Amino acid sequence: MPHDTHDRGQRASRPVPFDAAGNLWAAVHEGVVVSSDLNGRMQFVPLVLPMVRCDSPQRSFQPPRLPPVRTPLGEVSLNVLSREIDSLEKQNAALKRHVKLQDKIIDGFCGLRREN
């Protein structure tokens, strides 16, 4: 909307507020609308809410902490089987280490026996 001007072309192109039902004048008559609610062009002045006007100290807003995202279960039987296989592989590796230690001990005893 053009600003106030004396240029007739711009003034003629402005929309003219018109209330065919007369609601604006009825509101003025009832005291709902007062002159301070309107500007020079008979348009409503935007309201400034009381929350905007208050001079309370600024507080930093911290959103609530959300729980960690849980991974989807997927195929339950596949997950169980995968855990069982991992457990058996760890057990197998431990048994292999145990066998190597036993072999070294047996070889040591055999070496002692040969020397005697």
PDB file of N, CA and C in Angstrom:
ATOM      1  N   MET A   1       0.855  -1.165   0.000  1.00  0.00           N
ATOM      2  CA  MET A   1       0.000   0.000   0.000  1.00  0.00           C
ATOM      3  C   MET A   1       0.905   1.233   0.000  1.00  0.00           C
ATOM      4  N   PRO A   2       0.625   2.207  -0.857  1.00  0.00           N
ATOM      5  CA  PRO A   2       1.486   3.397  -0.913  1.00  0.00           C
ATOM      6  C   PRO A   2       1.346   4.236   0.351  1.00  0.00           C
ATOM      7  N   HIS A   3       2.405   4.950   0.683  1.00  0.00           N
ATOM      8  CA  HIS A   3       2.356   5.821   1.848  1.00  0.00           C
ATOM      9  C   HIS A   3       1.530   7.063   1.538  1.00  0.00           C
ATOM     10  N   ASP A   4       1.238   7.845   2.537  1.00  0.00           N
ATOM     11  CA  ASP A   4       0.432   9.051   2.324  1.00  0.00           C
ATOM     12  C   ASP A   4       1.142   9.962   1.341  1.00  0.00           C
ATOM     13  N   THR A   5       0.407  10.392   0.349  1.00  0.00           N
ATOM     14  CA  THR A   5       0.990  11.235  -0.694  1.00  0.00           C
ATOM     15  C   THR A   5      -0.091  12.135  -1.275  1.00  0.00           C
ATOM     16  N   HIS A   6       0.361  13.150  -1.999  1.00  0.00           N
ATOM     17  CA  HIS A   6      -0.582  14.044  -2.672  1.00  0.00           C
ATOM     18  C   HIS A   6      -0.714  13.689  -4.137  1.00  0.00           C
ATOM     19  N   ASP A   7      -0.063  12.597  -4.571  1.00  0.00           N
ATOM     20  CA  ASP A   7      -0.153  12.164  -5.967  1.00  0.00           C
ATOM     21  C   ASP A   7      -1.524  11.525  -6.186  1.00  0.00           C
ATOM     22  N   ARG A   8      -2.344  12.142  -7.059  1.00  0.00           N
ATOM     23  CA  ARG A   8      -3.711  11.662  -7.252  1.00  0.00           C
ATOM     24  C   ARG A   8      -3.765  10.235  -7.783  1.00  0.00           C
ATOM     25  N   GLY A   9      -2.783   9.834  -8.590  1.00  0.00           N
ATOM     26  CA  GLY A   9      -2.776   8.475  -9.138  1.00  0.00           C
ATOM     27  C   GLY A   9      -2.629   7.429  -8.043  1.00  0.00           C
ATOM     28  N   GLN A  10      -1.766   7.717  -7.088  1.00  0.00           N
ATOM     29  CA  GLN A  10      -1.572   6.770  -5.994  1.00  0.00           C
ATOM     30  C   GLN A  10      -2.757   6.794  -5.023  1.00  0.00           C
ATOM     31  N   ARG A  11      -3.332   7.969  -4.814  1.00  0.00           N
ATOM     32  CA  ARG A  11      -4.477   8.040  -3.906  1.00  0.00           C
ATOM     33  C   ARG A  11      -5.672   7.312  -4.499  1.00  0.00           C
ATOM     34  N   ALA A  12      -5.848   7.389  -5.806  1.00  0.00           N
ATOM     35  CA  ALA A  12      -6.996   6.758  -6.445  1.00  0.00           C
ATOM     36  C   ALA A  12      -6.861   5.235  -6.435  1.00  0.00           C
ATOM     37  N   SER A  13      -5.632   4.731  -6.374  1.00  0.00           N
ATOM     38  CA  SER A  13      -5.452   3.282  -6.425  1.00  0.00           C
ATOM     39  C   SER A  13      -5.568   2.626  -5.044  1.00  0.00           C
ATOM     40  N   ARG A  14      -5.700   3.402  -3.997  1.00  0.00           N
ATOM     41  CA  ARG A  14      -5.823   2.841  -2.647  1.00  0.00           C
ATOM     42  C   ARG A  14      -7.203   2.244  -2.440  1.00  0.00           C
ATOM     43  N   PRO A  15      -7.249   1.091  -1.735  1.00  0.00           N
ATOM     44  CA  PRO A  15      -8.578   0.548  -1.417  1.00  0.00           C
ATOM     45  C   PRO A  15      -9.252   1.401  -0.341  1.00  0.00           C
ATOM     46  N   VAL A  16     -10.544   1.564  -0.475  1.00  0.00           N
ATOM     47  CA  VAL A  16     -11.311   2.349   0.486  1.00  0.00           C
ATOM     48  C   VAL A  16     -11.992   1.377   1.440  1.00  0.00           C
ATOM     49  N   PRO A  17     -11.720   1.500   2.741  1.00  0.00           N
ATOM     50  CA  PRO A  17     -12.397   0.590   3.674  1.00  0.00           C
ATOM     51  C   PRO A  17     -13.890   0.871   3.701  1.00  0.00           C
ATOM     52  N   PHE A  18     -14.675  -0.197   3.531  1.00  0.00           N
ATOM     53  CA  PHE A  18     -16.124  -0.043   3.501  1.00  0.00           C
ATOM     54  C   PHE A  18     -16.749  -1.234   4.212  1.00  0.00           C
ATOM     55  N   ASP A  19     -17.634  -0.962   5.120  1.00  0.00           N
ATOM     56  CA  ASP A  19     -18.325  -1.998   5.872  1.00  0.00           C
ATOM     57  C   ASP A  19     -19.810  -1.884   5.560  1.00  0.00           C
ATOM     58  N   ALA A  20     -20.276  -2.703   4.635  1.00  0.00           N
ATOM     59  CA  ALA A  20     -21.677  -2.619   4.198  1.00  0.00           C
ATOM     60  C   ALA A  20     -22.646  -2.968   5.323  1.00  0.00           C
ATOM     61  N   ALA A  21     -22.247  -3.864   6.220  1.00  0.00           N
ATOM     62  CA  ALA A  21     -23.140  -4.281   7.302  1.00  0.00           C
ATOM     63  C   ALA A  21     -23.127  -3.285   8.459  1.00  0.00           C
ATOM     64  N   GLY A  22     -22.165  -2.395   8.481  1.00  0.00           N
ATOM     65  CA  GLY A  22     -22.083  -1.401   9.535  1.00  0.00           C
ATOM     66  C   GLY A  22     -21.561  -1.960  10.849  1.00  0.00           C
ATOM     67  N   ASN A  23     -20.815  -3.052  10.786  1.00  0.00           N
ATOM     68  CA  ASN A  23     -20.300  -3.676  12.005  1.00  0.00           C
ATOM     69  C   ASN A  23     -19.307  -2.781  12.735  1.00  0.00           C
ATOM     70  N   LEU A  24     -18.496  -2.038  11.985  1.00  0.00           N
ATOM     71  CA  LEU A  24     -17.518  -1.159  12.619  1.00  0.00           C
ATOM     72  C   LEU A  24     -18.224  -0.081  13.438  1.00  0.00           C
ATOM     73  N   TRP A  25     -19.240   0.557  12.852  1.00  0.00           N
ATOM     74  CA  TRP A  25     -19.935   1.617  13.576  1.00  0.00           C
ATOM     75  C   TRP A  25     -20.730   1.060  14.751  1.00  0.00           C
ATOM     76  N   ALA A  26     -21.226  -0.161  14.623  1.00  0.00           N
ATOM     77  CA  ALA A  26     -21.933  -0.791  15.743  1.00  0.00           C
ATOM     78  C   ALA A  26     -20.952  -1.058  16.885  1.00  0.00           C
ATOM     79  N   ALA A  27     -19.734  -1.478  16.542  1.00  0.00           N
ATOM     80  CA  ALA A  27     -18.722  -1.723  17.564  1.00  0.00           C
ATOM     81  C   ALA A  27     -18.296  -0.422  18.229  1.00  0.00           C
ATOM     82  N   VAL A  28     -18.235   0.676  17.447  1.00  0.00           N
ATOM     83  CA  VAL A  28     -17.905   1.983  18.020  1.00  0.00           C
ATOM     84  C   VAL A  28     -19.031   2.422  18.958  1.00  0.00           C
ATOM     85  N   HIS A  29     -20.268   2.215  18.537  1.00  0.00           N
ATOM     86  CA  HIS A  29     -21.418   2.613  19.354  1.00  0.00           C
ATOM     87  C   HIS A  29     -21.435   1.844  20.675  1.00  0.00           C
ATOM     88  N   GLU A  30     -21.066   0.558  20.652  1.00  0.00           N
ATOM     89  CA  GLU A  30     -21.054  -0.258  21.866  1.00  0.00           C
ATOM     90  C   GLU A  30     -19.807  -0.032  22.717  1.00  0.00           C
ATOM     91  N   GLY A  31     -18.828   0.682  22.188  1.00  0.00           N
ATOM     92  CA  GLY A  31     -17.618   0.974  22.942  1.00  0.00           C
ATOM     93  C   GLY A  31     -16.543  -0.093  22.818  1.00  0.00           C
ATOM     94  N   VAL A  32     -16.761  -1.065  21.929  1.00  0.00           N
ATOM     95  CA  VAL A  32     -15.753  -2.117  21.721  1.00  0.00           C
ATOM     96  C   VAL A  32     -14.548  -1.546  20.986  1.00  0.00           C
ATOM     97  N   VAL A  33     -14.804  -0.684  20.005  1.00  0.00           N
ATOM     98  CA  VAL A  33     -13.741  -0.040  19.229  1.00  0.00           C
ATOM     99  C   VAL A  33     -13.703   1.423  19.626  1.00  0.00           C
ATOM    100  N   VAL A  34     -12.513   1.925  19.959  1.00  0.00           N
ATOM    101  CA  VAL A  34     -12.341   3.344  20.284  1.00  0.00           C
ATOM    102  C   VAL A  34     -11.378   3.946  19.278  1.00  0.00           C
ATOM    103  N   SER A  35     -11.275   5.261  19.273  1.00  0.00           N
ATOM    104  CA  SER A  35     -10.466   5.939  18.264  1.00  0.00           C
ATOM    105  C   SER A  35      -8.996   5.553  18.333  1.00  0.00           C
ATOM    106  N   SER A  36      -8.503   5.179  19.512  1.00  0.00           N
ATOM    107  CA  SER A  36      -7.091   4.803  19.611  1.00  0.00           C
ATOM    108  C   SER A  36      -6.820   3.444  18.952  1.00  0.00           C
ATOM    109  N   ASP A  37      -7.883   2.682  18.636  1.00  0.00           N
ATOM    110  CA  ASP A  37      -7.717   1.394  17.950  1.00  0.00           C
ATOM    111  C   ASP A  37      -7.518   1.564  16.451  1.00  0.00           C
ATOM    112  N   LEU A  38      -7.804   2.762  15.923  1.00  0.00           N
ATOM    113  CA  LEU A  38      -7.722   2.995  14.476  1.00  0.00           C
ATOM    114  C   LEU A  38      -6.673   4.048  14.161  1.00  0.00           C
ATOM    115  N   ASN A  39      -6.072   3.937  12.967  1.00  0.00           N
ATOM    116  CA  ASN A  39      -5.122   4.962  12.534  1.00  0.00           C
ATOM    117  C   ASN A  39      -5.854   5.981  11.652  1.00  0.00           C
ATOM    118  N   GLY A  40      -5.122   6.858  11.003  1.00  0.00           N
ATOM    119  CA  GLY A  40      -5.722   7.913  10.190  1.00  0.00           C
ATOM    120  C   GLY A  40      -6.471   7.386   8.983  1.00  0.00           C
ATOM    121  N   ARG A  41      -6.182   6.217   8.523  1.00  0.00           N
ATOM    122  CA  ARG A  41      -6.859   5.628   7.363  1.00  0.00           C
ATOM    123  C   ARG A  41      -8.023   4.730   7.778  1.00  0.00           C
ATOM    124  N   MET A  42      -8.399   4.799   9.053  1.00  0.00           N
ATOM    125  CA  MET A  42      -9.482   3.974   9.583  1.00  0.00           C
ATOM    126  C   MET A  42      -9.150   2.487   9.516  1.00  0.00           C
ATOM    127  N   GLN A  43      -7.880   2.154   9.705  1.00  0.00           N
ATOM    128  CA  GLN A  43      -7.451   0.768   9.770  1.00  0.00           C
ATOM    129  C   GLN A  43      -7.052   0.468  11.208  1.00  0.00           C
ATOM    130  N   PHE A  44      -7.241  -0.778  11.611  1.00  0.00           N
ATOM    131  CA  PHE A  44      -6.902  -1.161  12.976  1.00  0.00           C
ATOM    132  C   PHE A  44      -5.398  -1.107  13.194  1.00  0.00           C
ATOM    133  N   VAL A  45      -5.006  -0.529  14.322  1.00  0.00           N
ATOM    134  CA  VAL A  45      -3.604  -0.481  14.730  1.00  0.00           C
ATOM    135  C   VAL A  45      -3.269  -1.845  15.322  1.00  0.00           C
ATOM    136  N   PRO A  46      -2.147  -2.456  14.915  1.00  0.00           N
ATOM    137  CA  PRO A  46      -1.813  -3.770  15.478  1.00  0.00           C
ATOM    138  C   PRO A  46      -1.619  -3.687  16.988  1.00  0.00           C
ATOM    139  N   LEU A  47      -2.151  -4.665  17.678  1.00  0.00           N
ATOM    140  CA  LEU A  47      -2.051  -4.702  19.133  1.00  0.00           C
ATOM    141  C   LEU A  47      -0.677  -5.182  19.561  1.00  0.00           C
ATOM    142  N   VAL A  48      -0.183  -4.606  20.617  1.00  0.00           N
ATOM    143  CA  VAL A  48       1.043  -5.092  21.241  1.00  0.00           C
ATOM    144  C   VAL A  48       0.608  -5.855  22.478  1.00  0.00           C
ATOM    145  N   LEU A  49       0.873  -7.134  22.486  1.00  0.00           N
ATOM    146  CA  LEU A  49       0.421  -7.975  23.601  1.00  0.00           C
ATOM    147  C   LEU A  49       1.180  -7.632  24.868  1.00  0.00           C
ATOM    148  N   PRO A  50       0.559  -7.789  26.019  1.00  0.00           N
ATOM    149  CA  PRO A  50       1.227  -7.477  27.285  1.00  0.00           C
ATOM    150  C   PRO A  50       2.495  -8.297  27.489  1.00  0.00           C
ATOM    151  N   MET A  51       2.529  -9.517  26.969  1.00  0.00           N
ATOM    152  CA  MET A  51       3.725 -10.346  27.134  1.00  0.00           C
ATOM    153  C   MET A  51       4.918  -9.724  26.414  1.00  0.00           C
ATOM    154  N   VAL A  52       4.661  -8.991  25.329  1.00  0.00           N
ATOM    155  CA  VAL A  52       5.734  -8.371  24.574  1.00  0.00           C
ATOM    156  C   VAL A  52       6.255  -7.148  25.316  1.00  0.00           C
ATOM    157  N   ARG A  53       5.357  -6.457  26.014  1.00  0.00           N
ATOM    158  CA  ARG A  53       5.741  -5.229  26.685  1.00  0.00           C
ATOM    159  C   ARG A  53       6.499  -5.453  27.985  1.00  0.00           C
ATOM    160  N   CYS A  54       6.349  -6.591  28.614  1.00  0.00           N
ATOM    161  CA  CYS A  54       6.957  -6.787  29.922  1.00  0.00           C
ATOM    162  C   CYS A  54       8.480  -6.787  29.823  1.00  0.00           C
ATOM    163  N   ASP A  55       9.101  -6.298  30.861  1.00  0.00           N
ATOM    164  CA  ASP A  55      10.553  -6.194  30.889  1.00  0.00           C
ATOM    165  C   ASP A  55      11.155  -7.256  31.799  1.00  0.00           C
ATOM    166  N   SER A  56      10.634  -8.458  31.740  1.00  0.00           N
ATOM    167  CA  SER A  56      11.176  -9.522  32.584  1.00  0.00           C
ATOM    168  C   SER A  56      12.533  -9.966  32.035  1.00  0.00           C
ATOM    169  N   PRO A  57      13.404 -10.480  32.894  1.00  0.00           N
ATOM    170  CA  PRO A  57      14.728 -10.900  32.427  1.00  0.00           C
ATOM    171  C   PRO A  57      14.613 -12.055  31.442  1.00  0.00           C
ATOM    172  N   GLN A  58      15.515 -12.050  30.493  1.00  0.00           N
ATOM    173  CA  GLN A  58      15.533 -13.107  29.490  1.00  0.00           C
ATOM    174  C   GLN A  58      16.012 -14.400  30.124  1.00  0.00           C
ATOM    175  N   ARG A  59      15.276 -15.458  29.921  1.00  0.00           N
ATOM    176  CA  ARG A  59      15.680 -16.770  30.418  1.00  0.00           C
ATOM    177  C   ARG A  59      15.965 -17.652  29.222  1.00  0.00           C
ATOM    178  N   SER A  60      17.034 -18.393  29.318  1.00  0.00           N
ATOM    179  CA  SER A  60      17.343 -19.293  28.211  1.00  0.00           C
ATOM    180  C   SER A  60      16.444 -20.518  28.327  1.00  0.00           C
ATOM    181  N   PHE A  61      15.821 -20.848  27.248  1.00  0.00           N
ATOM    182  CA  PHE A  61      14.909 -21.991  27.220  1.00  0.00           C
ATOM    183  C   PHE A  61      15.694 -23.239  26.873  1.00  0.00           C
ATOM    184  N   GLN A  62      15.551 -24.253  27.698  1.00  0.00           N
ATOM    185  CA  GLN A  62      16.189 -25.531  27.421  1.00  0.00           C
ATOM    186  C   GLN A  62      15.089 -26.563  27.204  1.00  0.00           C
ATOM    187  N   PRO A  63      15.055 -27.152  26.019  1.00  0.00           N
ATOM    188  CA  PRO A  63      14.019 -28.147  25.765  1.00  0.00           C
ATOM    189  C   PRO A  63      14.228 -29.377  26.646  1.00  0.00           C
ATOM    190  N   PRO A  64      13.173 -30.095  26.938  1.00  0.00           N
ATOM    191  CA  PRO A  64      13.324 -31.286  27.780  1.00  0.00           C
ATOM    192  C   PRO A  64      14.183 -32.333  27.086  1.00  0.00           C
ATOM    193  N   ARG A  65      14.934 -33.081  27.899  1.00  0.00           N
ATOM    194  CA  ARG A  65      15.789 -34.124  27.327  1.00  0.00           C
ATOM    195  C   ARG A  65      14.927 -35.290  26.880  1.00  0.00           C
ATOM    196  N   LEU A  66      15.226 -35.763  25.699  1.00  0.00           N
ATOM    197  CA  LEU A  66      14.498 -36.892  25.161  1.00  0.00           C
ATOM    198  C   LEU A  66      15.250 -38.176  25.484  1.00  0.00           C
ATOM    199  N   PRO A  67      14.536 -39.275  25.662  1.00  0.00           N
ATOM    200  CA  PRO A  67      15.237 -40.534  25.920  1.00  0.00           C
ATOM    201  C   PRO A  67      16.023 -40.944  24.678  1.00  0.00           C
ATOM    202  N   PRO A  68      17.099 -41.711  24.857  1.00  0.00           N
ATOM    203  CA  PRO A  68      17.885 -42.117  23.686  1.00  0.00           C
ATOM    204  C   PRO A  68      17.039 -42.962  22.739  1.00  0.00           C
ATOM    205  N   VAL A  69      17.353 -42.837  21.478  1.00  0.00           N
ATOM    206  CA  VAL A  69      16.605 -43.553  20.459  1.00  0.00           C
ATOM    207  C   VAL A  69      16.968 -45.030  20.521  1.00  0.00           C
ATOM    208  N   ARG A  70      15.961 -45.851  20.602  1.00  0.00           N
ATOM    209  CA  ARG A  70      16.189 -47.292  20.671  1.00  0.00           C
ATOM    210  C   ARG A  70      16.336 -47.849  19.268  1.00  0.00           C
ATOM    211  N   THR A  71      17.317 -48.705  19.067  1.00  0.00           N
ATOM    212  CA  THR A  71      17.507 -49.304  17.748  1.00  0.00           C
ATOM    213  C   THR A  71      16.369 -50.273  17.473  1.00  0.00           C
ATOM    214  N   PRO A  72      15.950 -50.360  16.240  1.00  0.00           N
ATOM    215  CA  PRO A  72      14.845 -51.259  15.920  1.00  0.00           C
ATOM    216  C   PRO A  72      15.239 -52.709  16.173  1.00  0.00           C
ATOM    217  N   LEU A  73      14.270 -53.490  16.572  1.00  0.00           N
ATOM    218  CA  LEU A  73      14.537 -54.886  16.882  1.00  0.00           C
ATOM    219  C   LEU A  73      14.901 -55.699  15.645  1.00  0.00           C
ATOM    220  N   GLY A  74      14.318 -55.378  14.527  1.00  0.00           N
ATOM    221  CA  GLY A  74      14.602 -56.127  13.301  1.00  0.00           C
ATOM    222  C   GLY A  74      14.073 -57.546  13.417  1.00  0.00           C
ATOM    223  N   GLU A  75      14.784 -58.473  12.807  1.00  0.00           N
ATOM    224  CA  GLU A  75      14.420 -59.877  12.890  1.00  0.00           C
ATOM    225  C   GLU A  75      14.901 -60.430  14.227  1.00  0.00           C
ATOM    226  N   VAL A  76      13.992 -60.749  15.116  1.00  0.00           N
ATOM    227  CA  VAL A  76      14.351 -61.181  16.461  1.00  0.00           C
ATOM    228  C   VAL A  76      15.122 -62.493  16.411  1.00  0.00           C
ATOM    229  N   SER A  77      14.649 -63.439  15.613  1.00  0.00           N
ATOM    230  CA  SER A  77      15.333 -64.735  15.541  1.00  0.00           C
ATOM    231  C   SER A  77      16.737 -64.577  14.970  1.00  0.00           C
ATOM    232  N   LEU A  78      16.901 -63.671  14.016  1.00  0.00           N
ATOM    233  CA  LEU A  78      18.231 -63.420  13.441  1.00  0.00           C
ATOM    234  C   LEU A  78      19.155 -62.788  14.483  1.00  0.00           C
ATOM    235  N   ASN A  79      18.624 -61.872  15.295  1.00  0.00           N
ATOM    236  CA  ASN A  79      19.428 -61.248  16.354  1.00  0.00           C
ATOM    237  C   ASN A  79      19.851 -62.271  17.400  1.00  0.00           C
ATOM    238  N   VAL A  80      18.936 -63.153  17.786  1.00  0.00           N
ATOM    239  CA  VAL A  80      19.261 -64.176  18.785  1.00  0.00           C
ATOM    240  C   VAL A  80      20.325 -65.115  18.238  1.00  0.00           C
ATOM    241  N   LEU A  81      20.164 -65.533  16.999  1.00  0.00           N
ATOM    242  CA  LEU A  81      21.136 -66.428  16.376  1.00  0.00           C
ATOM    243  C   LEU A  81      22.500 -65.765  16.275  1.00  0.00           C
ATOM    244  N   SER A  82      22.514 -64.483  15.937  1.00  0.00           N
ATOM    245  CA  SER A  82      23.775 -63.739  15.837  1.00  0.00           C
ATOM    246  C   SER A  82      24.485 -63.683  17.192  1.00  0.00           C
ATOM    247  N   ARG A  83      23.737 -63.441  18.267  1.00  0.00           N
ATOM    248  CA  ARG A  83      24.341 -63.403  19.608  1.00  0.00           C
ATOM    249  C   ARG A  83      24.888 -64.770  20.008  1.00  0.00           C
ATOM    250  N   GLU A  84      24.156 -65.826  19.686  1.00  0.00           N
ATOM    251  CA  GLU A  84      24.628 -67.173  20.012  1.00  0.00           C
ATOM    252  C   GLU A  84      25.916 -67.497  19.266  1.00  0.00           C
ATOM    253  N   ILE A  85      25.976 -67.124  18.004  1.00  0.00           N
ATOM    254  CA  ILE A  85      27.187 -67.377  17.217  1.00  0.00           C
ATOM    255  C   ILE A  85      28.363 -66.595  17.775  1.00  0.00           C
ATOM    256  N   ASP A  86      28.151 -65.325  18.141  1.00  0.00           N
ATOM    257  CA  ASP A  86      29.229 -64.519  18.733  1.00  0.00           C
ATOM    258  C   ASP A  86      29.735 -65.156  20.019  1.00  0.00           C
ATOM    259  N   SER A  87      28.811 -65.632  20.850  1.00  0.00           N
ATOM    260  CA  SER A  87      29.198 -66.272  22.104  1.00  0.00           C
ATOM    261  C   SER A  87      30.005 -67.537  21.840  1.00  0.00           C
ATOM    262  N   LEU A  88      29.579 -68.361  20.885  1.00  0.00           N
ATOM    263  CA  LEU A  88      30.296 -69.596  20.565  1.00  0.00           C
ATOM    264  C   LEU A  88      31.681 -69.308  19.971  1.00  0.00           C
ATOM    265  N   GLU A  89      31.786 -68.246  19.159  1.00  0.00           N
ATOM    266  CA  GLU A  89      33.103 -67.890  18.601  1.00  0.00           C
ATOM    267  C   GLU A  89      34.069 -67.458  19.701  1.00  0.00           C
ATOM    268  N   LYS A  90      33.583 -66.713  20.685  1.00  0.00           N
ATOM    269  CA  LYS A  90      34.441 -66.316  21.813  1.00  0.00           C
ATOM    270  C   LYS A  90      34.868 -67.542  22.612  1.00  0.00           C
ATOM    271  N   GLN A  91      33.918 -68.432  22.827  1.00  0.00           N
ATOM    272  CA  GLN A  91      34.229 -69.657  23.562  1.00  0.00           C
ATOM    273  C   GLN A  91      35.252 -70.500  22.800  1.00  0.00           C
ATOM    274  N   ASN A  92      35.123 -70.600  21.488  1.00  0.00           N
ATOM    275  CA  ASN A  92      36.045 -71.355  20.645  1.00  0.00           C
ATOM    276  C   ASN A  92      37.450 -70.746  20.711  1.00  0.00           C
ATOM    277  N   ALA A  93      37.547 -69.420  20.652  1.00  0.00           N
ATOM    278  CA  ALA A  93      38.858 -68.766  20.733  1.00  0.00           C
ATOM    279  C   ALA A  93      39.517 -69.043  22.085  1.00  0.00           C
ATOM    280  N   ALA A  94      38.724 -69.025  23.166  1.00  0.00           N
ATOM    281  CA  ALA A  94      39.276 -69.313  24.499  1.00  0.00           C
ATOM    282  C   ALA A  94      39.766 -70.753  24.578  1.00  0.00           C
ATOM    283  N   LEU A  95      39.019 -71.690  23.986  1.00  0.00           N
ATOM    284  CA  LEU A  95      39.438 -73.093  23.992  1.00  0.00           C
ATOM    285  C   LEU A  95      40.723 -73.306  23.186  1.00  0.00           C
ATOM    286  N   LYS A  96      40.855 -72.587  22.072  1.00  0.00           N
ATOM    287  CA  LYS A  96      42.091 -72.697  21.269  1.00  0.00           C
ATOM    288  C   LYS A  96      43.294 -72.221  22.077  1.00  0.00           C
ATOM    289  N   ARG A  97      43.142 -71.105  22.823  1.00  0.00           N
ATOM    290  CA  ARG A  97      44.245 -70.630  23.667  1.00  0.00           C
ATOM    291  C   ARG A  97      44.577 -71.662  24.745  1.00  0.00           C
ATOM    292  N   HIS A  98      43.555 -72.263  25.303  1.00  0.00           N
ATOM    293  CA  HIS A  98      43.747 -73.272  26.347  1.00  0.00           C
ATOM    294  C   HIS A  98      44.510 -74.496  25.797  1.00  0.00           C
ATOM    295  N   VAL A  99      44.152 -74.917  24.590  1.00  0.00           N
ATOM    296  CA  VAL A  99      44.841 -76.060  23.956  1.00  0.00           C
ATOM    297  C   VAL A  99      46.302 -75.719  23.693  1.00  0.00           C
ATOM    298  N   LYS A 100      46.593 -74.513  23.227  1.00  0.00           N
ATOM    299  CA  LYS A 100      47.985 -74.115  22.983  1.00  0.00           C
ATOM    300  C   LYS A 100      48.799 -74.152  24.275  1.00  0.00           C
ATOM    301  N   LEU A 101      48.210 -73.643  25.368  1.00  0.00           N
ATOM    302  CA  LEU A 101      48.912 -73.678  26.657  1.00  0.00           C
ATOM    303  C   LEU A 101      49.165 -75.115  27.108  1.00  0.00           C
ATOM    304  N   GLN A 102      48.162 -75.978  26.943  1.00  0.00           N
ATOM    305  CA  GLN A 102      48.355 -77.385  27.323  1.00  0.00           C
ATOM    306  C   GLN A 102      49.445 -78.030  26.480  1.00  0.00           C
ATOM    307  N   ASP A 103      49.486 -77.730  25.180  1.00  0.00           N
ATOM    308  CA  ASP A 103      50.532 -78.283  24.317  1.00  0.00           C
ATOM    309  C   ASP A 103      51.913 -77.847  24.794  1.00  0.00           C
ATOM    310  N   LYS A 104      52.053 -76.578  25.175  1.00  0.00           N
ATOM    311  CA  LYS A 104      53.353 -76.101  25.660  1.00  0.00           C
ATOM    312  C   LYS A 104      53.747 -76.813  26.953  1.00  0.00           C
ATOM    313  N   ILE A 105      52.787 -76.988  27.850  1.00  0.00           N
ATOM    314  CA  ILE A 105      53.082 -77.660  29.125  1.00  0.00           C
ATOM    315  C   ILE A 105      53.473 -79.127  28.878  1.00  0.00           C
ATOM    316  N   ILE A 106      52.736 -79.810  28.025  1.00  0.00           N
ATOM    317  CA  ILE A 106      53.043 -81.216  27.728  1.00  0.00           C
ATOM    318  C   ILE A 106      54.403 -81.331  27.061  1.00  0.00           C
ATOM    319  N   ASP A 107      54.699 -80.409  26.107  1.00  0.00           N
ATOM    320  CA  ASP A 107      56.008 -80.423  25.454  1.00  0.00           C
ATOM    321  C   ASP A 107      57.132 -80.179  26.480  1.00  0.00           C
ATOM    322  N   GLY A 108      56.871 -79.318  27.451  1.00  0.00           N
ATOM    323  CA  GLY A 108      57.863 -79.044  28.496  1.00  0.00           C
ATOM    324  C   GLY A 108      58.100 -80.265  29.356  1.00  0.00           C
ATOM    325  N   PHE A 109      57.059 -80.954  29.749  1.00  0.00           N
ATOM    326  CA  PHE A 109      57.208 -82.186  30.540  1.00  0.00           C
ATOM    327  C   PHE A 109      57.934 -83.273  29.768  1.00  0.00           C
ATOM    328  N   CYS A 110      57.588 -83.372  28.462  1.00  0.00           N
ATOM    329  CA  CYS A 110      58.275 -84.380  27.622  1.00  0.00           C
ATOM    330  C   CYS A 110      59.756 -84.044  27.503  1.00  0.00           C
ATOM    331  N   GLY A 111      60.090 -82.782  27.381  1.00  0.00           N
ATOM    332  CA  GLY A 111      61.493 -82.368  27.317  1.00  0.00           C
ATOM    333  C   GLY A 111      62.228 -82.680  28.603  1.00  0.00           C
ATOM    334  N   LEU A 112      61.585 -82.469  29.732  1.00  0.00           N
ATOM    335  CA  LEU A 112      62.197 -82.822  31.028  1.00  0.00           C
ATOM    336  C   LEU A 112      62.403 -84.322  31.156  1.00  0.00           C
ATOM    337  N   ARG A 113      61.469 -85.109  30.690  1.00  0.00           N
ATOM    338  CA  ARG A 113      61.559 -86.553  30.777  1.00  0.00           C
ATOM    339  C   ARG A 113      62.711 -87.094  29.926  1.00  0.00           C
ATOM    340  N   ARG A 114      62.915 -86.472  28.730  1.00  0.00           N
ATOM    341  CA  ARG A 114      64.004 -86.898  27.847  1.00  0.00           C
ATOM    342  C   ARG A 114      65.361 -86.588  28.465  1.00  0.00           C
ATOM    343  N   GLU A 115      65.456 -85.497  29.162  1.00  0.00           N
ATOM    344  CA  GLU A 115      66.730 -85.115  29.767  1.00  0.00           C
ATOM    345  C   GLU A 115      67.100 -86.079  30.914  1.00  0.00           C
ATOM    346  N   ASN A 116      66.199 -86.635  31.596  1.00  0.00           N
ATOM    347  CA  ASN A 116      66.473 -87.540  32.731  1.00  0.00           C
ATOM    348  C   ASN A 116      66.776 -88.899  32.240  1.00  0.00           C
TER     349      ASN A 116
END
